[in-house]
Amino acid sequence: MGTQAAAFALTERLTGIGVTEDLLGDAEYLLGRVPEEPAEEWTGIVIDITDAQGGRFYREFTREGGG
């Protein structure tokens, strides 16, 4: 599975919303950049998605133990 397919599969799994061609075609985008390599030290990640109807999905994951 390619990187993009994996990202869409993860999005569907986390939100419960199927990613379709119509959904993507009608969507408004606000983008962020994720580096290829993670920072040496990180403690968590935030996923914050707002759909076209104003519904918001927000989840924060933290990493135990660092490094």
Protein backbone atom coordinates (compact mmCIF):
# COMPACT_ATOMS: atom_id res chain seq x y z
CA MET A 1 0.00 0.00 0.00
CA GLY A 2 1.38 3.39 -0.95
CA THR A 3 1.85 6.27 1.47
CA GLN A 4 -1.19 8.20 0.22
CA ALA A 5 -3.44 5.14 0.36
CA ALA A 6 -2.26 4.42 3.89
CA ALA A 7 -2.98 8.02 4.95
CA PHE A 8 -6.52 7.84 3.54
CA ALA A 9 -7.10 4.46 5.20
CA LEU A 10 -5.94 5.90 8.54
CA THR A 11 -8.19 8.94 8.08
CA GLU A 12 -11.19 6.70 7.41
CA ARG A 13 -10.37 4.53 10.40
CA LEU A 14 -9.96 7.47 12.79
CA THR A 15 -12.98 9.49 11.64
CA GLY A 16 -15.39 6.81 10.45
CA ILE A 17 -15.91 8.89 7.28
CA GLY A 18 -15.22 7.24 3.93
CA VAL A 19 -12.91 9.30 1.75
CA THR A 20 -14.60 9.50 -1.66
CA GLU A 21 -13.84 11.39 -4.86
CA ASP A 22 -16.84 13.68 -4.24
CA LEU A 23 -15.73 14.39 -0.67
CA LEU A 24 -12.25 15.34 -1.84
CA GLY A 25 -13.52 17.34 -4.83
CA ASP A 26 -15.87 19.47 -2.72
CA ALA A 27 -13.53 19.91 0.25
CA GLU A 28 -11.73 23.05 1.35
CA TYR A 29 -8.17 22.43 2.46
CA LEU A 30 -5.95 23.88 5.14
CA LEU A 31 -2.62 22.13 5.00
CA GLY A 32 0.29 21.51 7.31
CA ARG A 33 3.65 19.96 6.54
CA VAL A 34 4.90 16.79 8.15
CA PRO A 35 8.64 16.25 7.79
CA GLU A 36 9.94 12.98 6.34
CA GLU A 37 11.89 12.28 9.53
CA PRO A 38 10.40 12.96 12.97
CA ALA A 39 12.16 15.29 15.37
CA GLU A 40 14.66 13.55 17.62
CA GLU A 41 12.46 14.10 20.66
CA TRP A 42 8.70 14.32 20.53
CA THR A 43 5.96 13.73 23.05
CA GLY A 44 2.80 13.54 20.97
CA ILE A 45 0.78 14.26 17.87
CA VAL A 46 -2.52 16.07 17.32
CA ILE A 47 -5.04 15.21 14.60
CA ASP A 48 -7.55 18.03 14.08
CA ILE A 49 -10.00 17.69 11.18
CA THR A 50 -13.10 19.81 10.49
CA ASP A 51 -15.46 18.47 7.82
CA ALA A 52 -17.48 20.47 5.28
CA GLN A 53 -20.52 20.53 7.60
CA GLY A 54 -18.48 21.99 10.47
CA GLY A 55 -18.16 18.70 12.36
CA ARG A 56 -14.83 18.48 14.14
CA PHE A 57 -12.67 15.48 14.92
CA TYR A 58 -9.88 16.18 17.37
CA ARG A 59 -7.61 13.60 18.93
CA GLU A 60 -4.30 13.95 20.73
CA PHE A 61 -1.92 11.03 21.15
CA THR A 62 1.00 11.19 23.54
CA ARG A 63 4.11 9.08 23.61
CA GLU A 64 5.17 7.46 26.85
CA GLY A 65 8.82 7.42 27.86
CA GLY A 66 10.17 9.85 25.22
CA GLY A 67 13.06 9.16 22.84
